[in-house]
Amino acid sequence: MYDNIEVIFKGERKEIYSNPQQFPFKVGDYVIVEADKGIDLGEVNQVGALLSMKKSKAEVKKILRKADKDDVNKYNLNREKEKSAFDNCKQKIDKHNLIMKLVDVEYQFDGNKITFYFTAERRVDFRELVKDLAAQYKVRIELRQIGVRDEAKRIGGYGICGRKLCCSSFLKEFQPITTQCAKEQFLPLNPQKLSGVCGRLMCCLNYEREFYLEVLKKFPPLEAQFQTEKGMATIEKIDVFNEEAILKYETDEYGKVALEDISLFPM
């Protein structure tokens, strides 16, 4: 039995819940959990001791029970309602001339709250929009502004690598990424090749960065010059995997030299 269980909801939203009644859950089970002023339905995403490393100091809500067939049917009905709510909200956004992009709609399982996710370049005064939506649906309405990376995480998709987006499959938090990450890995600074579907620099630029930085410490800096048998040579690039430096000679020819041999050349 597990004391804590991670539950995943629509849009890759994940939270950890306590399991006070010690239900024997397994990954993939649908569960009914406590929510803000009501209940919600999610899917068990992770169980086991490793969850203690993720657990925060915030108050942990409880798992109430395992979802039954009727609960799952209601959940699927909510997904259908979200489609019409999405179209309706878009019409109201146009009506109020708001500069915002609606990304997704999520019904709380019990129907007590509807959350509308949107992106915008600036702060948006959506108070009249909320009044309009609340008057129509007669439930609690929340409009939540998210970033373009969060949008990609909620919608999902596939990267140029052909795999499911990292943000919607396993990444828990976004790390800051700059063009310096690409420079350190000798990648061409081509925005089209370095950007993900969100339009920002790809998260995977961070994955091997630490390895590159560690290997580069062993080499002289780029543009360092050496006197070789073929004349003066400049370090143009470093092959971190083979631990070789690519040299450019005065004759505009190129050559490789192993890391251990660089020290033999006078600077």
C-alpha atoms as a PDB file:
ATOM      1  CA  MET A   1       0.000   0.000   0.000  1.00  0.00           C
ATOM      2  CA  TYR A   2       1.173   3.570  -0.677  1.00  0.00           C
ATOM      3  CA  ASP A   3       0.766   6.630   1.541  1.00  0.00           C
ATOM      4  CA  ASN A   4       1.176   9.105  -1.326  1.00  0.00           C
ATOM      5  CA  ILE A   5       0.185   8.860  -4.965  1.00  0.00           C
ATOM      6  CA  GLU A   6       0.830  11.181  -7.901  1.00  0.00           C
ATOM      7  CA  VAL A   7      -2.263  11.899  -9.985  1.00  0.00           C
ATOM      8  CA  ILE A   8      -2.253  13.390 -13.482  1.00  0.00           C
ATOM      9  CA  PHE A   9      -5.065  15.487 -14.932  1.00  0.00           C
ATOM     10  CA  LYS A  10      -5.814  17.000 -18.315  1.00  0.00           C
ATOM     11  CA  GLY A  11      -2.994  19.102 -19.736  1.00  0.00           C
ATOM     12  CA  GLU A  12      -0.263  17.177 -17.904  1.00  0.00           C
ATOM     13  CA  ARG A  13      -1.188  18.808 -14.608  1.00  0.00           C
ATOM     14  CA  LYS A  14       0.225  16.613 -11.826  1.00  0.00           C
ATOM     15  CA  GLU A  15      -0.318  16.687  -8.070  1.00  0.00           C
ATOM     16  CA  ILE A  16       0.520  14.424  -5.136  1.00  0.00           C
ATOM     17  CA  TYR A  17      -2.337  13.195  -2.935  1.00  0.00           C
ATOM     18  CA  SER A  18      -2.401  11.286   0.314  1.00  0.00           C
ATOM     19  CA  ASN A  19      -3.985   7.833   0.396  1.00  0.00           C
ATOM     20  CA  PRO A  20      -5.349   7.690   3.972  1.00  0.00           C
ATOM     21  CA  GLN A  21      -7.550   4.652   3.339  1.00  0.00           C
ATOM     22  CA  GLN A  22      -4.617   2.741   1.808  1.00  0.00           C
ATOM     23  CA  PHE A  23      -6.401   1.812  -1.419  1.00  0.00           C
ATOM     24  CA  PRO A  24      -4.235  -0.593  -3.498  1.00  0.00           C
ATOM     25  CA  PHE A  25      -3.884   1.720  -6.507  1.00  0.00           C
ATOM     26  CA  LYS A  26      -1.704   1.050  -9.529  1.00  0.00           C
ATOM     27  CA  VAL A  27      -0.570   3.297 -12.377  1.00  0.00           C
ATOM     28  CA  GLY A  28      -3.436   3.895 -14.809  1.00  0.00           C
ATOM     29  CA  ASP A  29      -6.265   3.670 -12.266  1.00  0.00           C
ATOM     30  CA  TYR A  30      -8.832   6.487 -12.284  1.00  0.00           C
ATOM     31  CA  VAL A  31      -9.352   8.114  -8.883  1.00  0.00           C
ATOM     32  CA  ILE A  32     -11.654  10.661  -7.270  1.00  0.00           C
ATOM     33  CA  VAL A  33      -9.730  13.289  -5.301  1.00  0.00           C
ATOM     34  CA  GLU A  34     -10.377  16.376  -3.212  1.00  0.00           C
ATOM     35  CA  ALA A  35     -10.427  19.609  -5.217  1.00  0.00           C
ATOM     36  CA  ASP A  36     -11.052  23.295  -4.596  1.00  0.00           C
ATOM     37  CA  LYS A  37     -14.591  23.397  -3.221  1.00  0.00           C
ATOM     38  CA  GLY A  38     -15.468  20.005  -4.667  1.00  0.00           C
ATOM     39  CA  ILE A  39     -14.023  16.838  -6.179  1.00  0.00           C
ATOM     40  CA  ASP A  40     -12.041  16.009  -9.317  1.00  0.00           C
ATOM     41  CA  LEU A  41     -11.104  12.921 -11.323  1.00  0.00           C
ATOM     42  CA  GLY A  42      -7.581  12.044 -12.402  1.00  0.00           C
ATOM     43  CA  GLU A  43      -5.379   9.112 -13.344  1.00  0.00           C
ATOM     44  CA  VAL A  44      -2.724   7.529 -11.129  1.00  0.00           C
ATOM     45  CA  ASN A  45       0.616   8.525 -12.650  1.00  0.00           C
ATOM     46  CA  GLN A  46       3.163   7.302 -10.100  1.00  0.00           C
ATOM     47  CA  VAL A  47       3.288   5.307  -6.874  1.00  0.00           C
ATOM     48  CA  GLY A  48       6.132   4.249  -4.637  1.00  0.00           C
ATOM     49  CA  ALA A  49       8.832   5.575  -2.336  1.00  0.00           C
ATOM     50  CA  LEU A  50      10.340   7.973  -4.897  1.00  0.00           C
ATOM     51  CA  LEU A  51       7.323  10.254  -4.484  1.00  0.00           C
ATOM     52  CA  SER A  52       8.713  11.426  -1.153  1.00  0.00           C
ATOM     53  CA  MET A  53      11.376  13.306  -3.143  1.00  0.00           C
ATOM     54  CA  LYS A  54       8.690  15.253  -5.027  1.00  0.00           C
ATOM     55  CA  LYS A  55       6.480  16.007  -2.071  1.00  0.00           C
ATOM     56  CA  SER A  56       6.355  19.705  -1.181  1.00  0.00           C
ATOM     57  CA  LYS A  57       5.560  21.373   2.147  1.00  0.00           C
ATOM     58  CA  ALA A  58       2.175  22.523   0.856  1.00  0.00           C
ATOM     59  CA  GLU A  59      -0.972  20.927   2.221  1.00  0.00           C
ATOM     60  CA  VAL A  60      -1.663  17.608   0.519  1.00  0.00           C
ATOM     61  CA  LYS A  61      -5.249  16.844  -0.463  1.00  0.00           C
ATOM     62  CA  LYS A  62      -6.730  13.332  -0.158  1.00  0.00           C
ATOM     63  CA  ILE A  63      -7.746  10.594  -2.533  1.00  0.00           C
ATOM     64  CA  LEU A  64     -11.388   9.837  -1.740  1.00  0.00           C
ATOM     65  CA  ARG A  65     -11.974   6.627  -3.687  1.00  0.00           C
ATOM     66  CA  LYS A  66     -11.417   4.726  -6.897  1.00  0.00           C
ATOM     67  CA  ALA A  67     -13.486   5.995  -9.831  1.00  0.00           C
ATOM     68  CA  ASP A  68     -16.250   3.707 -11.085  1.00  0.00           C
ATOM     69  CA  LYS A  69     -17.739   3.316 -14.573  1.00  0.00           C
ATOM     70  CA  ASP A  70     -20.284   6.121 -14.042  1.00  0.00           C
ATOM     71  CA  ASP A  71     -17.501   8.481 -12.970  1.00  0.00           C
ATOM     72  CA  VAL A  72     -15.502   7.741 -16.124  1.00  0.00           C
ATOM     73  CA  ASN A  73     -18.584   8.307 -18.287  1.00  0.00           C
ATOM     74  CA  LYS A  74     -19.158  11.667 -16.605  1.00  0.00           C
ATOM     75  CA  TYR A  75     -15.491  12.532 -17.130  1.00  0.00           C
ATOM     76  CA  ASN A  76     -15.815  11.815 -20.864  1.00  0.00           C
ATOM     77  CA  LEU A  77     -19.004  13.895 -21.002  1.00  0.00           C
ATOM     78  CA  ASN A  78     -17.091  16.819 -19.463  1.00  0.00           C
ATOM     79  CA  ARG A  79     -14.473  16.526 -22.208  1.00  0.00           C
ATOM     80  CA  GLU A  80     -17.273  16.956 -24.768  1.00  0.00           C
ATOM     81  CA  LYS A  81     -18.660  19.984 -22.894  1.00  0.00           C
ATOM     82  CA  GLU A  82     -15.206  21.565 -22.985  1.00  0.00           C
ATOM     83  CA  LYS A  83     -15.307  21.718 -26.789  1.00  0.00           C
ATOM     84  CA  SER A  84     -18.459  23.839 -26.869  1.00  0.00           C
ATOM     85  CA  ALA A  85     -17.193  25.974 -23.943  1.00  0.00           C
ATOM     86  CA  PHE A  86     -13.997  26.613 -25.909  1.00  0.00           C
ATOM     87  CA  ASP A  87     -15.914  27.852 -28.975  1.00  0.00           C
ATOM     88  CA  ASN A  88     -18.246  29.924 -26.835  1.00  0.00           C
ATOM     89  CA  CYS A  89     -15.387  31.591 -24.971  1.00  0.00           C
ATOM     90  CA  LYS A  90     -13.619  32.447 -28.236  1.00  0.00           C
ATOM     91  CA  GLN A  91     -16.759  34.240 -29.431  1.00  0.00           C
ATOM     92  CA  LYS A  92     -16.948  36.220 -26.194  1.00  0.00           C
ATOM     93  CA  ILE A  93     -13.252  37.139 -26.450  1.00  0.00           C
ATOM     94  CA  ASP A  94     -13.953  38.624 -29.886  1.00  0.00           C
ATOM     95  CA  LYS A  95     -17.046  40.354 -28.548  1.00  0.00           C
ATOM     96  CA  HIS A  96     -14.996  42.108 -25.845  1.00  0.00           C
ATOM     97  CA  ASN A  97     -12.110  42.852 -28.257  1.00  0.00           C
ATOM     98  CA  LEU A  98      -9.568  41.188 -25.987  1.00  0.00           C
ATOM     99  CA  ILE A  99      -6.071  40.526 -27.319  1.00  0.00           C
ATOM    100  CA  MET A 100      -5.584  37.001 -26.006  1.00  0.00           C
ATOM    101  CA  LYS A 101      -5.345  33.486 -27.385  1.00  0.00           C
ATOM    102  CA  LEU A 102      -7.556  30.821 -25.807  1.00  0.00           C
ATOM    103  CA  VAL A 103      -5.526  27.634 -25.382  1.00  0.00           C
ATOM    104  CA  ASP A 104      -7.641  25.125 -23.503  1.00  0.00           C
ATOM    105  CA  VAL A 105     -10.698  24.619 -21.304  1.00  0.00           C
ATOM    106  CA  GLU A 106     -10.906  22.261 -18.342  1.00  0.00           C
ATOM    107  CA  TYR A 107     -14.055  21.283 -16.443  1.00  0.00           C
ATOM    108  CA  GLN A 108     -13.590  20.233 -12.844  1.00  0.00           C
ATOM    109  CA  PHE A 109     -15.110  16.749 -12.537  1.00  0.00           C
ATOM    110  CA  ASP A 110     -18.029  17.834 -10.352  1.00  0.00           C
ATOM    111  CA  GLY A 111     -18.808  20.744 -12.695  1.00  0.00           C
ATOM    112  CA  ASN A 112     -18.344  23.354  -9.949  1.00  0.00           C
ATOM    113  CA  LYS A 113     -15.519  25.126 -11.772  1.00  0.00           C
ATOM    114  CA  ILE A 114     -14.409  25.732 -15.359  1.00  0.00           C
ATOM    115  CA  THR A 115     -10.865  26.909 -16.039  1.00  0.00           C
ATOM    116  CA  PHE A 116     -10.009  28.726 -19.274  1.00  0.00           C
ATOM    117  CA  TYR A 117      -6.291  28.795 -20.131  1.00  0.00           C
ATOM    118  CA  PHE A 118      -4.973  31.530 -22.395  1.00  0.00           C
ATOM    119  CA  THR A 119      -1.787  33.207 -23.591  1.00  0.00           C
ATOM    120  CA  ALA A 120      -1.260  36.932 -24.135  1.00  0.00           C
ATOM    121  CA  GLU A 121       1.700  39.217 -24.690  1.00  0.00           C
ATOM    122  CA  ARG A 122       0.413  41.709 -22.159  1.00  0.00           C
ATOM    123  CA  ARG A 123      -1.800  41.775 -19.120  1.00  0.00           C
ATOM    124  CA  VAL A 124      -5.466  41.416 -20.055  1.00  0.00           C
ATOM    125  CA  ASP A 125      -8.454  42.952 -18.259  1.00  0.00           C
ATOM    126  CA  PHE A 126     -10.878  40.039 -18.560  1.00  0.00           C
ATOM    127  CA  ARG A 127     -13.300  40.991 -15.786  1.00  0.00           C
ATOM    128  CA  GLU A 128     -16.253  41.513 -18.147  1.00  0.00           C
ATOM    129  CA  LEU A 129     -15.450  38.233 -19.903  1.00  0.00           C
ATOM    130  CA  VAL A 130     -15.569  36.388 -16.574  1.00  0.00           C
ATOM    131  CA  LYS A 131     -18.948  37.968 -15.766  1.00  0.00           C
ATOM    132  CA  ASP A 132     -20.278  36.873 -19.146  1.00  0.00           C
ATOM    133  CA  LEU A 133     -19.077  33.297 -18.705  1.00  0.00           C
ATOM    134  CA  ALA A 134     -20.297  33.054 -15.094  1.00  0.00           C
ATOM    135  CA  ALA A 135     -23.746  34.323 -16.103  1.00  0.00           C
ATOM    136  CA  GLN A 136     -24.002  31.629 -18.762  1.00  0.00           C
ATOM    137  CA  TYR A 137     -22.558  28.623 -16.934  1.00  0.00           C
ATOM    138  CA  LYS A 138     -23.631  29.497 -13.359  1.00  0.00           C
ATOM    139  CA  VAL A 139     -20.425  28.010 -11.906  1.00  0.00           C
ATOM    140  CA  ARG A 140     -17.091  29.306 -10.695  1.00  0.00           C
ATOM    141  CA  ILE A 141     -15.044  30.613 -13.640  1.00  0.00           C
ATOM    142  CA  GLU A 142     -11.255  30.902 -13.614  1.00  0.00           C
ATOM    143  CA  LEU A 143      -9.190  32.474 -16.401  1.00  0.00           C
ATOM    144  CA  ARG A 144      -5.546  31.499 -16.112  1.00  0.00           C
ATOM    145  CA  GLN A 145      -2.812  33.123 -18.174  1.00  0.00           C
ATOM    146  CA  ILE A 146       0.032  30.750 -19.109  1.00  0.00           C
ATOM    147  CA  GLY A 147       3.236  31.068 -21.126  1.00  0.00           C
ATOM    148  CA  VAL A 148       3.856  29.639 -24.580  1.00  0.00           C
ATOM    149  CA  ARG A 149       5.946  26.802 -23.121  1.00  0.00           C
ATOM    150  CA  ASP A 150       3.055  25.895 -20.810  1.00  0.00           C
ATOM    151  CA  GLU A 151       0.767  26.009 -23.849  1.00  0.00           C
ATOM    152  CA  ALA A 152       2.905  23.397 -25.622  1.00  0.00           C
ATOM    153  CA  LYS A 153       2.879  21.279 -22.469  1.00  0.00           C
ATOM    154  CA  ARG A 154      -0.927  21.355 -22.242  1.00  0.00           C
ATOM    155  CA  ILE A 155      -1.597  20.748 -25.948  1.00  0.00           C
ATOM    156  CA  GLY A 156       1.231  18.246 -26.532  1.00  0.00           C
ATOM    157  CA  GLY A 157       2.775  17.254 -29.838  1.00  0.00           C
ATOM    158  CA  TYR A 158       6.024  15.966 -31.323  1.00  0.00           C
ATOM    159  CA  GLY A 159       9.424  17.570 -31.740  1.00  0.00           C
ATOM    160  CA  ILE A 160      11.728  17.511 -34.762  1.00  0.00           C
ATOM    161  CA  CYS A 161      13.318  14.418 -33.195  1.00  0.00           C
ATOM    162  CA  GLY A 162      10.063  12.542 -33.814  1.00  0.00           C
ATOM    163  CA  ARG A 163       9.443  11.931 -30.128  1.00  0.00           C
ATOM    164  CA  LYS A 164       6.683  13.259 -27.884  1.00  0.00           C
ATOM    165  CA  LEU A 165       7.478  16.718 -26.497  1.00  0.00           C
ATOM    166  CA  CYS A 166       9.662  16.551 -23.389  1.00  0.00           C
ATOM    167  CA  CYS A 167       7.442  19.063 -21.570  1.00  0.00           C
ATOM    168  CA  SER A 168       4.331  16.936 -22.057  1.00  0.00           C
ATOM    169  CA  SER A 169       5.991  13.598 -21.324  1.00  0.00           C
ATOM    170  CA  PHE A 170       8.475  13.848 -18.448  1.00  0.00           C
ATOM    171  CA  LEU A 171       9.736  17.373 -17.694  1.00  0.00           C
ATOM    172  CA  LYS A 172       8.439  18.647 -14.358  1.00  0.00           C
ATOM    173  CA  GLU A 173       9.772  22.211 -14.485  1.00  0.00           C
ATOM    174  CA  PHE A 174      11.085  24.522 -17.198  1.00  0.00           C
ATOM    175  CA  GLN A 175      14.712  25.605 -16.946  1.00  0.00           C
ATOM    176  CA  PRO A 176      16.029  28.879 -18.442  1.00  0.00           C
ATOM    177  CA  ILE A 177      17.707  28.300 -21.818  1.00  0.00           C
ATOM    178  CA  THR A 178      19.784  30.832 -23.791  1.00  0.00           C
ATOM    179  CA  THR A 179      21.708  30.825 -27.059  1.00  0.00           C
ATOM    180  CA  GLN A 180      24.839  30.352 -24.939  1.00  0.00           C
ATOM    181  CA  CYS A 181      23.756  26.703 -24.514  1.00  0.00           C
ATOM    182  CA  ALA A 182      23.901  26.276 -28.294  1.00  0.00           C
ATOM    183  CA  LYS A 183      27.254  28.062 -28.611  1.00  0.00           C
ATOM    184  CA  GLU A 184      28.830  25.803 -25.995  1.00  0.00           C
ATOM    185  CA  GLN A 185      27.728  22.762 -28.029  1.00  0.00           C
ATOM    186  CA  PHE A 186      28.965  24.262 -31.325  1.00  0.00           C
ATOM    187  CA  LEU A 187      25.496  24.304 -32.830  1.00  0.00           C
ATOM    188  CA  PRO A 188      24.644  26.741 -35.635  1.00  0.00           C
ATOM    189  CA  LEU A 189      22.608  29.650 -34.293  1.00  0.00           C
ATOM    190  CA  ASN A 190      19.671  28.956 -36.568  1.00  0.00           C
ATOM    191  CA  PRO A 191      16.413  29.874 -34.755  1.00  0.00           C
ATOM    192  CA  GLN A 192      14.351  27.502 -36.898  1.00  0.00           C
ATOM    193  CA  LYS A 193      16.483  24.502 -35.921  1.00  0.00           C
ATOM    194  CA  LEU A 194      16.963  25.467 -32.273  1.00  0.00           C
ATOM    195  CA  SER A 195      13.340  26.346 -31.475  1.00  0.00           C
ATOM    196  CA  GLY A 196      10.643  23.941 -30.363  1.00  0.00           C
ATOM    197  CA  VAL A 197       6.968  23.992 -31.318  1.00  0.00           C
ATOM    198  CA  CYS A 198       6.445  26.663 -28.631  1.00  0.00           C
ATOM    199  CA  GLY A 199       8.749  29.042 -30.491  1.00  0.00           C
ATOM    200  CA  ARG A 200      11.267  29.084 -27.632  1.00  0.00           C
ATOM    201  CA  LEU A 201      14.688  27.432 -27.512  1.00  0.00           C
ATOM    202  CA  MET A 202      14.360  23.661 -27.162  1.00  0.00           C
ATOM    203  CA  CYS A 203      14.560  22.241 -23.636  1.00  0.00           C
ATOM    204  CA  CYS A 204      16.926  19.487 -24.814  1.00  0.00           C
ATOM    205  CA  LEU A 205      19.710  22.061 -25.296  1.00  0.00           C
ATOM    206  CA  ASN A 206      20.224  21.727 -21.537  1.00  0.00           C
ATOM    207  CA  TYR A 207      20.546  17.946 -21.412  1.00  0.00           C
ATOM    208  CA  GLU A 208      24.179  17.573 -22.529  1.00  0.00           C
ATOM    209  CA  ARG A 209      25.374  21.023 -21.556  1.00  0.00           C
ATOM    210  CA  GLU A 210      27.048  19.905 -18.328  1.00  0.00           C
ATOM    211  CA  PHE A 211      28.974  17.197 -20.186  1.00  0.00           C
ATOM    212  CA  TYR A 212      30.190  19.674 -22.807  1.00  0.00           C
ATOM    213  CA  LEU A 213      31.323  22.190 -20.186  1.00  0.00           C
ATOM    214  CA  GLU A 214      33.217  19.492 -18.278  1.00  0.00           C
ATOM    215  CA  VAL A 215      35.090  18.292 -21.378  1.00  0.00           C
ATOM    216  CA  LEU A 216      35.801  21.814 -22.636  1.00  0.00           C
ATOM    217  CA  LYS A 217      37.705  22.558 -19.416  1.00  0.00           C
ATOM    218  CA  LYS A 218      40.418  20.179 -20.641  1.00  0.00           C
ATOM    219  CA  PHE A 219      40.996  22.160 -23.847  1.00  0.00           C
ATOM    220  CA  PRO A 220      42.521  25.561 -24.577  1.00  0.00           C
ATOM    221  CA  PRO A 221      39.897  28.176 -25.524  1.00  0.00           C
ATOM    222  CA  LEU A 222      38.603  28.531 -29.057  1.00  0.00           C
ATOM    223  CA  GLU A 223      40.732  30.775 -31.283  1.00  0.00           C
ATOM    224  CA  ALA A 224      43.873  29.713 -29.374  1.00  0.00           C
ATOM    225  CA  GLN A 225      46.844  29.477 -31.774  1.00  0.00           C
ATOM    226  CA  PHE A 226      49.652  26.906 -31.966  1.00  0.00           C
ATOM    227  CA  GLN A 227      52.821  26.446 -33.926  1.00  0.00           C
ATOM    228  CA  THR A 228      52.619  23.083 -35.720  1.00  0.00           C
ATOM    229  CA  GLU A 229      54.560  21.229 -38.382  1.00  0.00           C
ATOM    230  CA  LYS A 230      52.240  22.805 -40.969  1.00  0.00           C
ATOM    231  CA  GLY A 231      52.623  26.300 -39.530  1.00  0.00           C
ATOM    232  CA  MET A 232      50.363  28.340 -37.269  1.00  0.00           C
ATOM    233  CA  ALA A 233      47.016  26.711 -36.505  1.00  0.00           C
ATOM    234  CA  THR A 234      43.900  28.011 -34.756  1.00  0.00           C
ATOM    235  CA  ILE A 235      41.393  25.948 -32.779  1.00  0.00           C
ATOM    236  CA  GLU A 236      38.150  26.274 -34.738  1.00  0.00           C
ATOM    237  CA  LYS A 237      36.031  23.646 -32.999  1.00  0.00           C
ATOM    238  CA  ILE A 238      36.262  20.909 -30.371  1.00  0.00           C
ATOM    239  CA  ASP A 239      34.962  17.366 -30.790  1.00  0.00           C
ATOM    240  CA  VAL A 240      33.971  16.605 -27.202  1.00  0.00           C
ATOM    241  CA  PHE A 241      33.047  12.977 -27.890  1.00  0.00           C
ATOM    242  CA  ASN A 242      36.392  11.997 -29.412  1.00  0.00           C
ATOM    243  CA  GLU A 243      38.301  14.599 -27.368  1.00  0.00           C
ATOM    244  CA  GLU A 244      39.887  16.108 -30.461  1.00  0.00           C
ATOM    245  CA  ALA A 245      40.394  19.693 -31.573  1.00  0.00           C
ATOM    246  CA  ILE A 246      39.671  20.790 -35.139  1.00  0.00           C
ATOM    247  CA  LEU A 247      42.476  23.069 -36.298  1.00  0.00           C
ATOM    248  CA  LYS A 248      42.533  25.587 -39.130  1.00  0.00           C
ATOM    249  CA  TYR A 249      45.946  26.199 -40.667  1.00  0.00           C
ATOM    250  CA  GLU A 250      47.235  29.350 -42.342  1.00  0.00           C
ATOM    251  CA  THR A 251      46.726  27.572 -45.669  1.00  0.00           C
ATOM    252  CA  ASP A 252      42.982  27.342 -44.922  1.00  0.00           C
ATOM    253  CA  GLU A 253      43.308  23.583 -44.564  1.00  0.00           C
ATOM    254  CA  TYR A 254      41.737  21.752 -41.629  1.00  0.00           C
ATOM    255  CA  GLY A 255      43.031  18.952 -39.442  1.00  0.00           C
ATOM    256  CA  LYS A 256      42.361  17.135 -36.179  1.00  0.00           C
ATOM    257  CA  VAL A 257      44.595  16.707 -33.194  1.00  0.00           C
ATOM    258  CA  ALA A 258      43.972  14.615 -30.071  1.00  0.00           C
ATOM    259  CA  LEU A 259      43.695  16.316 -26.684  1.00  0.00           C
ATOM    260  CA  GLU A 260      46.879  14.694 -25.363  1.00  0.00           C
ATOM    261  CA  ASP A 261      48.871  15.978 -28.331  1.00  0.00           C
ATOM    262  CA  ILE A 262      47.865  19.628 -28.021  1.00  0.00           C
ATOM    263  CA  SER A 263      50.279  20.192 -25.165  1.00  0.00           C
ATOM    264  CA  LEU A 264      53.157  19.234 -27.487  1.00  0.00           C
ATOM    265  CA  PHE A 265      52.560  22.337 -29.621  1.00  0.00           C
ATOM    266  CA  PRO A 266      54.102  25.634 -28.502  1.00  0.00           C
ATOM    267  CA  MET A 267      51.657  28.526 -28.293  1.00  0.00           C
END
